[in-house]
Amino acid sequence: EGDKRYFNVFACYSDDNGETWAYGDVAPMVKDEIVGDEVQ
């Protein structure tokens, strides 16, 4: 957004051993205060 970079974190998941994939909702964040990046 302009010259500022933002990140979200979420899970990608498969229920068929990787044949198809989907993504879940992003983890909650407070823009400009709490952002996610590296996740486990």
PDB file of all heavy atoms in Angstrom:
ATOM      1  N   GLU A   1       0.888  -1.166   0.000  1.00  0.00           N
ATOM      2  CA  GLU A   1       0.000   0.000   0.000  1.00  0.00           C
ATOM      3  C   GLU A   1       0.919   1.205   0.000  1.00  0.00           C
ATOM      4  O   GLU A   1       1.525   1.526   1.017  1.00  0.00           O
ATOM      5  CB  GLU A   1      -0.925  -0.014   1.209  1.00  0.00           C
ATOM      6  CG  GLU A   1      -1.964  -1.118   1.143  1.00  0.00           C
ATOM      7  CD  GLU A   1      -2.943  -1.097   2.296  1.00  0.00           C
ATOM      8  OE1 GLU A   1      -3.046  -0.068   3.006  1.00  0.00           O
ATOM      9  OE2 GLU A   1      -3.620  -2.123   2.490  1.00  0.00           O
ATOM     10  N   GLY A   2       1.061   1.800  -1.165  1.00  0.00           N
ATOM     11  CA  GLY A   2       2.044   2.874  -1.315  1.00  0.00           C
ATOM     12  C   GLY A   2       3.434   2.290  -1.163  1.00  0.00           C
ATOM     13  O   GLY A   2       3.782   1.310  -1.826  1.00  0.00           O
ATOM     14  N   ASP A   3       4.233   2.839  -0.253  1.00  0.00           N
ATOM     15  CA  ASP A   3       5.584   2.327  -0.040  1.00  0.00           C
ATOM     16  C   ASP A   3       5.679   1.425   1.185  1.00  0.00           C
ATOM     17  O   ASP A   3       6.767   1.072   1.620  1.00  0.00           O
ATOM     18  CB  ASP A   3       6.585   3.479   0.081  1.00  0.00           C
ATOM     19  CG  ASP A   3       6.303   4.390   1.264  1.00  0.00           C
ATOM     20  OD1 ASP A   3       5.239   4.252   1.893  1.00  0.00           O
ATOM     21  OD2 ASP A   3       7.154   5.251   1.550  1.00  0.00           O
ATOM     22  N   LYS A   4       4.539   1.023   1.739  1.00  0.00           N
ATOM     23  CA  LYS A   4       4.528   0.150   2.921  1.00  0.00           C
ATOM     24  C   LYS A   4       4.052  -1.248   2.548  1.00  0.00           C
ATOM     25  O   LYS A   4       3.052  -1.402   1.854  1.00  0.00           O
ATOM     26  CB  LYS A   4       3.614   0.739   3.994  1.00  0.00           C
ATOM     27  CG  LYS A   4       3.691  -0.049   5.278  1.00  0.00           C
ATOM     28  CD  LYS A   4       3.379   0.780   6.461  1.00  0.00           C
ATOM     29  CE  LYS A   4       3.538  -0.105   7.664  1.00  0.00           C
ATOM     30  NZ  LYS A   4       3.853   0.570   8.841  1.00  0.00           N
ATOM     31  N   ARG A   5       4.792  -2.251   3.020  1.00  0.00           N
ATOM     32  CA  ARG A   5       4.438  -3.641   2.742  1.00  0.00           C
ATOM     33  C   ARG A   5       3.743  -4.245   3.955  1.00  0.00           C
ATOM     34  O   ARG A   5       4.149  -4.029   5.094  1.00  0.00           O
ATOM     35  CB  ARG A   5       5.680  -4.456   2.409  1.00  0.00           C
ATOM     36  CG  ARG A   5       5.311  -5.831   1.908  1.00  0.00           C
ATOM     37  CD  ARG A   5       6.423  -6.467   1.165  1.00  0.00           C
ATOM     38  NE  ARG A   5       5.936  -7.682   0.531  1.00  0.00           N
ATOM     39  CZ  ARG A   5       6.692  -8.592   0.008  1.00  0.00           C
ATOM     40  NH1 ARG A   5       7.991  -8.430  -0.005  1.00  0.00           N
ATOM     41  NH2 ARG A   5       6.180  -9.664  -0.541  1.00  0.00           N
ATOM     42  N   TYR A   6       2.704  -5.047   3.694  1.00  0.00           N
ATOM     43  CA  TYR A   6       1.945  -5.721   4.740  1.00  0.00           C
ATOM     44  C   TYR A   6       1.958  -7.224   4.502  1.00  0.00           C
ATOM     45  O   TYR A   6       2.136  -7.686   3.372  1.00  0.00           O
ATOM     46  CB  TYR A   6       0.491  -5.235   4.744  1.00  0.00           C
ATOM     47  CG  TYR A   6       0.351  -3.804   5.174  1.00  0.00           C
ATOM     48  CD1 TYR A   6       0.296  -2.786   4.231  1.00  0.00           C
ATOM     49  CD2 TYR A   6       0.284  -3.471   6.516  1.00  0.00           C
ATOM     50  CE1 TYR A   6       0.167  -1.455   4.622  1.00  0.00           C
ATOM     51  CE2 TYR A   6       0.156  -2.154   6.919  1.00  0.00           C
ATOM     52  CZ  TYR A   6       0.104  -1.152   5.960  1.00  0.00           C
ATOM     53  OH  TYR A   6      -0.022   0.139   6.353  1.00  0.00           O
ATOM     54  N   PHE A   7       1.733  -7.982   5.573  1.00  0.00           N
ATOM     55  CA  PHE A   7       1.687  -9.437   5.501  1.00  0.00           C
ATOM     56  C   PHE A   7       0.501  -9.974   6.290  1.00  0.00           C
ATOM     57  O   PHE A   7       0.107  -9.396   7.302  1.00  0.00           O
ATOM     58  CB  PHE A   7       2.961 -10.059   6.092  1.00  0.00           C
ATOM     59  CG  PHE A   7       4.196  -9.760   5.317  1.00  0.00           C
ATOM     60  CD1 PHE A   7       4.985  -8.675   5.654  1.00  0.00           C
ATOM     61  CD2 PHE A   7       4.574 -10.551   4.251  1.00  0.00           C
ATOM     62  CE1 PHE A   7       6.132  -8.388   4.947  1.00  0.00           C
ATOM     63  CE2 PHE A   7       5.717 -10.277   3.530  1.00  0.00           C
ATOM     64  CZ  PHE A   7       6.499  -9.190   3.882  1.00  0.00           C
ATOM     65  N   ASN A   8      -0.054 -11.081   5.839  1.00  0.00           N
ATOM     66  CA  ASN A   8      -1.025 -11.899   6.571  1.00  0.00           C
ATOM     67  C   ASN A   8      -0.465 -13.301   6.686  1.00  0.00           C
ATOM     68  O   ASN A   8       0.367 -13.701   5.867  1.00  0.00           O
ATOM     69  CB  ASN A   8      -2.352 -12.032   5.796  1.00  0.00           C
ATOM     70  CG  ASN A   8      -3.203 -10.806   5.859  1.00  0.00           C
ATOM     71  OD1 ASN A   8      -3.220 -10.097   6.855  1.00  0.00           O
ATOM     72  ND2 ASN A   8      -3.922 -10.545   4.788  1.00  0.00           N
ATOM     73  N   VAL A   9      -0.955 -14.058   7.647  1.00  0.00           N
ATOM     74  CA  VAL A   9      -0.620 -15.484   7.736  1.00  0.00           C
ATOM     75  C   VAL A   9      -1.915 -16.293   7.756  1.00  0.00           C
ATOM     76  O   VAL A   9      -2.947 -15.834   8.233  1.00  0.00           O
ATOM     77  CB  VAL A   9       0.259 -15.809   8.964  1.00  0.00           C
ATOM     78  CG1 VAL A   9       1.604 -15.124   8.857  1.00  0.00           C
ATOM     79  CG2 VAL A   9      -0.425 -15.424  10.262  1.00  0.00           C
ATOM     80  N   PHE A  10      -1.840 -17.509   7.211  1.00  0.00           N
ATOM     81  CA  PHE A  10      -3.010 -18.373   7.139  1.00  0.00           C
ATOM     82  C   PHE A  10      -2.539 -19.789   6.851  1.00  0.00           C
ATOM     83  O   PHE A  10      -1.351 -20.037   6.671  1.00  0.00           O
ATOM     84  CB  PHE A  10      -3.986 -17.886   6.053  1.00  0.00           C
ATOM     85  CG  PHE A  10      -3.395 -17.826   4.677  1.00  0.00           C
ATOM     86  CD1 PHE A  10      -3.572 -18.856   3.784  1.00  0.00           C
ATOM     87  CD2 PHE A  10      -2.652 -16.727   4.280  1.00  0.00           C
ATOM     88  CE1 PHE A  10      -3.019 -18.812   2.510  1.00  0.00           C
ATOM     89  CE2 PHE A  10      -2.101 -16.653   3.008  1.00  0.00           C
ATOM     90  CZ  PHE A  10      -2.285 -17.697   2.128  1.00  0.00           C
ATOM     91  N   ALA A  11      -3.469 -20.733   6.779  1.00  0.00           N
ATOM     92  CA  ALA A  11      -3.142 -22.126   6.466  1.00  0.00           C
ATOM     93  C   ALA A  11      -3.641 -22.469   5.068  1.00  0.00           C
ATOM     94  O   ALA A  11      -4.749 -22.104   4.693  1.00  0.00           O
ATOM     95  CB  ALA A  11      -3.794 -23.072   7.472  1.00  0.00           C
ATOM     96  N   CYS A  12      -2.809 -23.160   4.314  1.00  0.00           N
ATOM     97  CA  CYS A  12      -3.261 -23.843   3.095  1.00  0.00           C
ATOM     98  C   CYS A  12      -3.511 -25.280   3.509  1.00  0.00           C
ATOM     99  O   CYS A  12      -2.741 -25.845   4.289  1.00  0.00           O
ATOM    100  CB  CYS A  12      -2.193 -23.807   2.017  1.00  0.00           C
ATOM    101  SG  CYS A  12      -1.930 -22.178   1.337  1.00  0.00           S
ATOM    102  N   TYR A  13      -4.574 -25.891   3.006  1.00  0.00           N
ATOM    103  CA  TYR A  13      -4.880 -27.244   3.454  1.00  0.00           C
ATOM    104  C   TYR A  13      -5.413 -28.106   2.318  1.00  0.00           C
ATOM    105  O   TYR A  13      -5.952 -27.619   1.335  1.00  0.00           O
ATOM    106  CB  TYR A  13      -5.870 -27.220   4.619  1.00  0.00           C
ATOM    107  CG  TYR A  13      -7.217 -26.640   4.281  1.00  0.00           C
ATOM    108  CD1 TYR A  13      -8.258 -27.469   3.854  1.00  0.00           C
ATOM    109  CD2 TYR A  13      -7.460 -25.283   4.392  1.00  0.00           C
ATOM    110  CE1 TYR A  13      -9.505 -26.944   3.546  1.00  0.00           C
ATOM    111  CE2 TYR A  13      -8.700 -24.749   4.090  1.00  0.00           C
ATOM    112  CZ  TYR A  13      -9.714 -25.582   3.667  1.00  0.00           C
ATOM    113  OH  TYR A  13     -10.942 -25.060   3.352  1.00  0.00           O
ATOM    114  N   SER A  14      -5.201 -29.413   2.509  1.00  0.00           N
ATOM    115  CA  SER A  14      -5.684 -30.409   1.549  1.00  0.00           C
ATOM    116  C   SER A  14      -6.315 -31.553   2.325  1.00  0.00           C
ATOM    117  O   SER A  14      -5.750 -32.046   3.299  1.00  0.00           O
ATOM    118  CB  SER A  14      -4.523 -30.945   0.704  1.00  0.00           C
ATOM    119  OG  SER A  14      -4.968 -31.999  -0.130  1.00  0.00           O
ATOM    120  N   ASP A  15      -7.484 -31.971   1.874  1.00  0.00           N
ATOM    121  CA  ASP A  15      -8.165 -33.118   2.478  1.00  0.00           C
ATOM    122  C   ASP A  15      -8.069 -34.361   1.599  1.00  0.00           C
ATOM    123  O   ASP A  15      -8.705 -35.377   1.886  1.00  0.00           O
ATOM    124  CB  ASP A  15      -9.635 -32.778   2.743  1.00  0.00           C
ATOM    125  CG  ASP A  15      -9.781 -31.773   3.882  1.00  0.00           C
ATOM    126  OD1 ASP A  15      -9.006 -31.850   4.849  1.00  0.00           O
ATOM    127  OD2 ASP A  15     -10.673 -30.908   3.791  1.00  0.00           O
ATOM    128  N   ASP A  16      -7.286 -34.289   0.523  1.00  0.00           N
ATOM    129  CA  ASP A  16      -7.154 -35.434  -0.391  1.00  0.00           C
ATOM    130  C   ASP A  16      -5.685 -35.713  -0.742  1.00  0.00           C
ATOM    131  O   ASP A  16      -5.351 -35.965  -1.885  1.00  0.00           O
ATOM    132  CB  ASP A  16      -8.003 -35.227  -1.652  1.00  0.00           C
ATOM    133  CG  ASP A  16      -7.651 -33.946  -2.400  1.00  0.00           C
ATOM    134  OD1 ASP A  16      -6.611 -33.310  -2.083  1.00  0.00           O
ATOM    135  OD2 ASP A  16      -8.402 -33.570  -3.315  1.00  0.00           O
ATOM    136  N   ASN A  17      -4.830 -35.655   0.280  1.00  0.00           N
ATOM    137  CA  ASN A  17      -3.390 -35.947   0.121  1.00  0.00           C
ATOM    138  C   ASN A  17      -2.706 -35.073  -0.916  1.00  0.00           C
ATOM    139  O   ASN A  17      -1.823 -35.521  -1.636  1.00  0.00           O
ATOM    140  CB  ASN A  17      -3.151 -37.419  -0.208  1.00  0.00           C
ATOM    141  CG  ASN A  17      -3.242 -38.281   1.010  1.00  0.00           C
ATOM    142  OD1 ASN A  17      -2.995 -37.829   2.118  1.00  0.00           O
ATOM    143  ND2 ASN A  17      -3.606 -39.534   0.818  1.00  0.00           N
ATOM    144  N   GLY A  18      -3.114 -33.826  -1.027  1.00  0.00           N
ATOM    145  CA  GLY A  18      -2.437 -32.884  -1.900  1.00  0.00           C
ATOM    146  C   GLY A  18      -2.949 -32.807  -3.322  1.00  0.00           C
ATOM    147  O   GLY A  18      -2.400 -32.077  -4.131  1.00  0.00           O
ATOM    148  N   GLU A  19      -4.011 -33.536  -3.638  1.00  0.00           N
ATOM    149  CA  GLU A  19      -4.572 -33.445  -4.988  1.00  0.00           C
ATOM    150  C   GLU A  19      -5.156 -32.052  -5.241  1.00  0.00           C
ATOM    151  O   GLU A  19      -4.979 -31.492  -6.319  1.00  0.00           O
ATOM    152  CB  GLU A  19      -5.656 -34.510  -5.202  1.00  0.00           C
ATOM    153  CG  GLU A  19      -5.118 -35.921  -5.279  1.00  0.00           C
ATOM    154  CD  GLU A  19      -4.299 -36.169  -6.530  1.00  0.00           C
ATOM    155  OE1 GLU A  19      -4.675 -35.680  -7.614  1.00  0.00           O
ATOM    156  OE2 GLU A  19      -3.273 -36.850  -6.417  1.00  0.00           O
ATOM    157  N   THR A  20      -5.882 -31.526  -4.263  1.00  0.00           N
ATOM    158  CA  THR A  20      -6.443 -30.180  -4.356  1.00  0.00           C
ATOM    159  C   THR A  20      -6.129 -29.433  -3.066  1.00  0.00           C
ATOM    160  O   THR A  20      -5.933 -30.047  -2.011  1.00  0.00           O
ATOM    161  CB  THR A  20      -7.974 -30.214  -4.570  1.00  0.00           C
ATOM    162  OG1 THR A  20      -8.585 -30.881  -3.449  1.00  0.00           O
ATOM    163  CG2 THR A  20      -8.336 -30.935  -5.864  1.00  0.00           C
ATOM    164  N   TRP A  21      -6.080 -28.106  -3.172  1.00  0.00           N
ATOM    165  CA  TRP A  21      -5.717 -27.262  -2.035  1.00  0.00           C
ATOM    166  C   TRP A  21      -6.704 -26.111  -1.899  1.00  0.00           C
ATOM    167  O   TRP A  21      -7.286 -25.662  -2.876  1.00  0.00           O
ATOM    168  CB  TRP A  21      -4.305 -26.703  -2.221  1.00  0.00           C
ATOM    169  CG  TRP A  21      -3.268 -27.764  -2.102  1.00  0.00           C
ATOM    170  CD1 TRP A  21      -2.800 -28.559  -3.110  1.00  0.00           C
ATOM    171  CD2 TRP A  21      -2.608 -28.174  -0.920  1.00  0.00           C
ATOM    172  NE1 TRP A  21      -1.871 -29.443  -2.609  1.00  0.00           N
ATOM    173  CE2 TRP A  21      -1.725 -29.223  -1.271  1.00  0.00           C
ATOM    174  CE3 TRP A  21      -2.649 -27.756   0.414  1.00  0.00           C
ATOM    175  CZ2 TRP A  21      -0.910 -29.852  -0.341  1.00  0.00           C
ATOM    176  CZ3 TRP A  21      -1.832 -28.381   1.336  1.00  0.00           C
ATOM    177  CH2 TRP A  21      -0.982 -29.418   0.950  1.00  0.00           C
ATOM    178  N   ALA A  22      -6.850 -25.648  -0.679  1.00  0.00           N
ATOM    179  CA  ALA A  22      -7.671 -24.486  -0.369  1.00  0.00           C
ATOM    180  C   ALA A  22      -6.941 -23.666   0.684  1.00  0.00           C
ATOM    181  O   ALA A  22      -5.911 -24.107   1.207  1.00  0.00           O
ATOM    182  CB  ALA A  22      -9.042 -24.927   0.148  1.00  0.00           C
ATOM    183  N   TYR A  23      -7.460 -22.515   1.002  1.00  0.00           N
ATOM    184  CA  TYR A  23      -6.856 -21.721   2.070  1.00  0.00           C
ATOM    185  C   TYR A  23      -7.909 -21.305   3.069  1.00  0.00           C
ATOM    186  O   TYR A  23      -9.077 -21.120   2.741  1.00  0.00           O
ATOM    187  CB  TYR A  23      -6.104 -20.503   1.536  1.00  0.00           C
ATOM    188  CG  TYR A  23      -6.857 -19.620   0.577  1.00  0.00           C
ATOM    189  CD1 TYR A  23      -7.817 -18.721   1.032  1.00  0.00           C
ATOM    190  CD2 TYR A  23      -6.591 -19.674  -0.778  1.00  0.00           C
ATOM    191  CE1 TYR A  23      -8.492 -17.904   0.153  1.00  0.00           C
ATOM    192  CE2 TYR A  23      -7.262 -18.852  -1.668  1.00  0.00           C
ATOM    193  CZ  TYR A  23      -8.211 -17.966  -1.189  1.00  0.00           C
ATOM    194  OH  TYR A  23      -8.880 -17.153  -2.068  1.00  0.00           O
ATOM    195  N   GLY A  24      -7.461 -21.180   4.320  1.00  0.00           N
ATOM    196  CA  GLY A  24      -8.342 -20.750   5.392  1.00  0.00           C
ATOM    197  C   GLY A  24      -8.316 -19.242   5.550  1.00  0.00           C
ATOM    198  O   GLY A  24      -7.647 -18.529   4.796  1.00  0.00           O
ATOM    199  N   ASP A  25      -9.038 -18.763   6.536  1.00  0.00           N
ATOM    200  CA  ASP A  25      -9.055 -17.334   6.836  1.00  0.00           C
ATOM    201  C   ASP A  25      -7.692 -16.873   7.327  1.00  0.00           C
ATOM    202  O   ASP A  25      -6.919 -17.655   7.887  1.00  0.00           O
ATOM    203  CB  ASP A  25     -10.092 -17.039   7.920  1.00  0.00           C
ATOM    204  CG  ASP A  25     -11.517 -17.256   7.446  1.00  0.00           C
ATOM    205  OD1 ASP A  25     -11.763 -17.196   6.222  1.00  0.00           O
ATOM    206  OD2 ASP A  25     -12.378 -17.496   8.305  1.00  0.00           O
ATOM    207  N   VAL A  26      -7.411 -15.606   7.165  1.00  0.00           N
ATOM    208  CA  VAL A  26      -6.158 -15.057   7.677  1.00  0.00           C
ATOM    209  C   VAL A  26      -6.255 -14.913   9.188  1.00  0.00           C
ATOM    210  O   VAL A  26      -7.346 -14.754   9.753  1.00  0.00           O
ATOM    211  CB  VAL A  26      -5.814 -13.700   7.022  1.00  0.00           C
ATOM    212  CG1 VAL A  26      -5.591 -13.859   5.535  1.00  0.00           C
ATOM    213  CG2 VAL A  26      -6.862 -12.660   7.321  1.00  0.00           C
ATOM    214  N   ALA A  27      -5.100 -14.996   9.844  1.00  0.00           N
ATOM    215  CA  ALA A  27      -5.046 -14.773  11.289  1.00  0.00           C
ATOM    216  C   ALA A  27      -5.364 -13.306  11.568  1.00  0.00           C
ATOM    217  O   ALA A  27      -5.053 -12.431  10.750  1.00  0.00           O
ATOM    218  CB  ALA A  27      -3.658 -15.130  11.814  1.00  0.00           C
ATOM    219  N   PRO A  28      -5.983 -13.029  12.706  1.00  0.00           N
ATOM    220  CA  PRO A  28      -6.311 -11.634  13.031  1.00  0.00           C
ATOM    221  C   PRO A  28      -5.057 -10.760  13.075  1.00  0.00           C
ATOM    222  O   PRO A  28      -3.984 -11.210  13.471  1.00  0.00           O
ATOM    223  CB  PRO A  28      -6.931 -11.732  14.422  1.00  0.00           C
ATOM    224  CG  PRO A  28      -7.378 -13.142  14.551  1.00  0.00           C
ATOM    225  CD  PRO A  28      -6.411 -13.952  13.734  1.00  0.00           C
ATOM    226  N   MET A  29      -5.207  -9.527  12.635  1.00  0.00           N
ATOM    227  CA  MET A  29      -4.112  -8.557  12.707  1.00  0.00           C
ATOM    228  C   MET A  29      -4.689  -7.170  12.937  1.00  0.00           C
ATOM    229  O   MET A  29      -5.868  -6.936  12.690  1.00  0.00           O
ATOM    230  CB  MET A  29      -3.267  -8.564  11.446  1.00  0.00           C
ATOM    231  CG  MET A  29      -3.959  -8.024  10.202  1.00  0.00           C
ATOM    232  SD  MET A  29      -2.860  -7.922   8.785  1.00  0.00           S
ATOM    233  CE  MET A  29      -2.767  -6.166   8.553  1.00  0.00           C
ATOM    234  N   VAL A  30      -3.858  -6.285  13.430  1.00  0.00           N
ATOM    235  CA  VAL A  30      -4.221  -4.884  13.573  1.00  0.00           C
ATOM    236  C   VAL A  30      -3.252  -4.124  12.681  1.00  0.00           C
ATOM    237  O   VAL A  30      -2.069  -4.043  12.969  1.00  0.00           O
ATOM    238  CB  VAL A  30      -4.110  -4.403  15.036  1.00  0.00           C
ATOM    239  CG1 VAL A  30      -4.434  -2.921  15.134  1.00  0.00           C
ATOM    240  CG2 VAL A  30      -5.007  -5.231  15.943  1.00  0.00           C
ATOM    241  N   LYS A  31      -3.772  -3.628  11.573  1.00  0.00           N
ATOM    242  CA  LYS A  31      -2.932  -2.990  10.574  1.00  0.00           C
ATOM    243  C   LYS A  31      -2.074  -1.895  11.207  1.00  0.00           C
ATOM    244  O   LYS A  31      -2.552  -1.116  12.015  1.00  0.00           O
ATOM    245  CB  LYS A  31      -3.813  -2.398   9.479  1.00  0.00           C
ATOM    246  CG  LYS A  31      -3.109  -2.153   8.194  1.00  0.00           C
ATOM    247  CD  LYS A  31      -4.141  -1.825   7.151  1.00  0.00           C
ATOM    248  CE  LYS A  31      -3.534  -1.780   5.802  1.00  0.00           C
ATOM    249  NZ  LYS A  31      -4.525  -1.442   4.806  1.00  0.00           N
ATOM    250  N   ASP A  32      -0.810  -1.887  10.831  1.00  0.00           N
ATOM    251  CA  ASP A  32       0.204  -0.948  11.318  1.00  0.00           C
ATOM    252  C   ASP A  32       0.617  -1.209  12.761  1.00  0.00           C
ATOM    253  O   ASP A  32       1.415  -0.476  13.310  1.00  0.00           O
ATOM    254  CB  ASP A  32      -0.243   0.515  11.161  1.00  0.00           C
ATOM    255  CG  ASP A  32      -0.365   0.923   9.712  1.00  0.00           C
ATOM    256  OD1 ASP A  32       0.479   0.511   8.893  1.00  0.00           O
ATOM    257  OD2 ASP A  32      -1.322   1.641   9.384  1.00  0.00           O
ATOM    258  N   GLU A  33       0.051  -2.251  13.412  1.00  0.00           N
ATOM    259  CA  GLU A  33       0.447  -2.568  14.777  1.00  0.00           C
ATOM    260  C   GLU A  33       0.876  -4.025  14.910  1.00  0.00           C
ATOM    261  O   GLU A  33       1.947  -4.309  15.409  1.00  0.00           O
ATOM    262  CB  GLU A  33      -0.690  -2.281  15.762  1.00  0.00           C
ATOM    263  CG  GLU A  33      -1.022  -0.822  15.895  1.00  0.00           C
ATOM    264  CD  GLU A  33      -2.158  -0.597  16.871  1.00  0.00           C
ATOM    265  OE1 GLU A  33      -2.279  -1.365  17.841  1.00  0.00           O
ATOM    266  OE2 GLU A  33      -2.935   0.345  16.658  1.00  0.00           O
ATOM    267  N   ILE A  34       0.005  -4.953  14.507  1.00  0.00           N
ATOM    268  CA  ILE A  34       0.290  -6.381  14.638  1.00  0.00           C
ATOM    269  C   ILE A  34       0.120  -7.011  13.265  1.00  0.00           C
ATOM    270  O   ILE A  34      -0.970  -6.978  12.698  1.00  0.00           O
ATOM    271  CB  ILE A  34      -0.666  -7.066  15.629  1.00  0.00           C
ATOM    272  CG1 ILE A  34      -0.565  -6.404  17.005  1.00  0.00           C
ATOM    273  CG2 ILE A  34      -0.370  -8.553  15.706  1.00  0.00           C
ATOM    274  CD1 ILE A  34      -1.642  -6.868  17.962  1.00  0.00           C
ATOM    275  N   VAL A  35       1.203  -7.539  12.720  1.00  0.00           N
ATOM    276  CA  VAL A  35       1.131  -8.228  11.433  1.00  0.00           C
ATOM    277  C   VAL A  35       1.868  -9.547  11.548  1.00  0.00           C
ATOM    278  O   VAL A  35       2.768  -9.692  12.357  1.00  0.00           O
ATOM    279  CB  VAL A  35       1.711  -7.388  10.275  1.00  0.00           C
ATOM    280  CG1 VAL A  35       0.911  -6.120  10.074  1.00  0.00           C
ATOM    281  CG2 VAL A  35       3.168  -7.063  10.505  1.00  0.00           C
ATOM    282  N   GLY A  36       1.476 -10.506  10.760  1.00  0.00           N
ATOM    283  CA  GLY A  36       2.153 -11.790  10.748  1.00  0.00           C
ATOM    284  C   GLY A  36       3.080 -11.885   9.561  1.00  0.00           C
ATOM    285  O   GLY A  36       2.926 -11.175   8.580  1.00  0.00           O
ATOM    286  N   ASP A  37       4.041 -12.779   9.663  1.00  0.00           N
ATOM    287  CA  ASP A  37       4.924 -13.043   8.524  1.00  0.00           C
ATOM    288  C   ASP A  37       5.330 -14.501   8.580  1.00  0.00           C
ATOM    289  O   ASP A  37       4.676 -15.342   8.006  1.00  0.00           O
ATOM    290  CB  ASP A  37       6.120 -12.108   8.536  1.00  0.00           C
ATOM    291  CG  ASP A  37       6.966 -12.243   7.277  1.00  0.00           C
ATOM    292  OD1 ASP A  37       6.641 -13.063   6.401  1.00  0.00           O
ATOM    293  OD2 ASP A  37       7.963 -11.518   7.161  1.00  0.00           O
ATOM    294  N   GLU A  38       6.362 -14.843   9.312  1.00  0.00           N
ATOM    295  CA  GLU A  38       6.806 -16.226   9.370  1.00  0.00           C
ATOM    296  C   GLU A  38       5.950 -16.979  10.373  1.00  0.00           C
ATOM    297  O   GLU A  38       5.693 -16.501  11.467  1.00  0.00           O
ATOM    298  CB  GLU A  38       8.284 -16.269   9.732  1.00  0.00           C
ATOM    299  CG  GLU A  38       9.119 -15.586   8.665  1.00  0.00           C
ATOM    300  CD  GLU A  38      10.594 -15.656   8.936  1.00  0.00           C
ATOM    301  OE1 GLU A  38      11.001 -16.100  10.024  1.00  0.00           O
ATOM    302  OE2 GLU A  38      11.347 -15.236   8.059  1.00  0.00           O
ATOM    303  N   VAL A  39       5.498 -18.181   9.990  1.00  0.00           N
ATOM    304  CA  VAL A  39       4.493 -18.880  10.780  1.00  0.00           C
ATOM    305  C   VAL A  39       4.776 -20.380  10.778  1.00  0.00           C
ATOM    306  O   VAL A  39       5.412 -20.895   9.874  1.00  0.00           O
ATOM    307  CB  VAL A  39       3.071 -18.569  10.220  1.00  0.00           C
ATOM    308  CG1 VAL A  39       2.908 -19.080   8.816  1.00  0.00           C
ATOM    309  CG2 VAL A  39       1.984 -19.101  11.109  1.00  0.00           C
ATOM    310  N   GLN A  40       4.312 -21.066  11.825  1.00  0.00           N
ATOM    311  CA  GLN A  40       4.434 -22.511  11.925  1.00  0.00           C
ATOM    312  C   GLN A  40       3.121 -23.073  12.452  1.00  0.00           C
ATOM    313  O   GLN A  40       2.440 -22.413  13.239  1.00  0.00           O
ATOM    314  CB  GLN A  40       5.578 -22.909  12.865  1.00  0.00           C
ATOM    315  CG  GLN A  40       5.707 -24.390  13.116  1.00  0.00           C
ATOM    316  CD  GLN A  40       5.920 -25.199  11.842  1.00  0.00           C
ATOM    317  OE1 GLN A  40       6.752 -24.871  11.036  1.00  0.00           O
ATOM    318  NE2 GLN A  40       5.163 -26.259  11.659  1.00  0.00           N
TER     319      GLN A  40
END
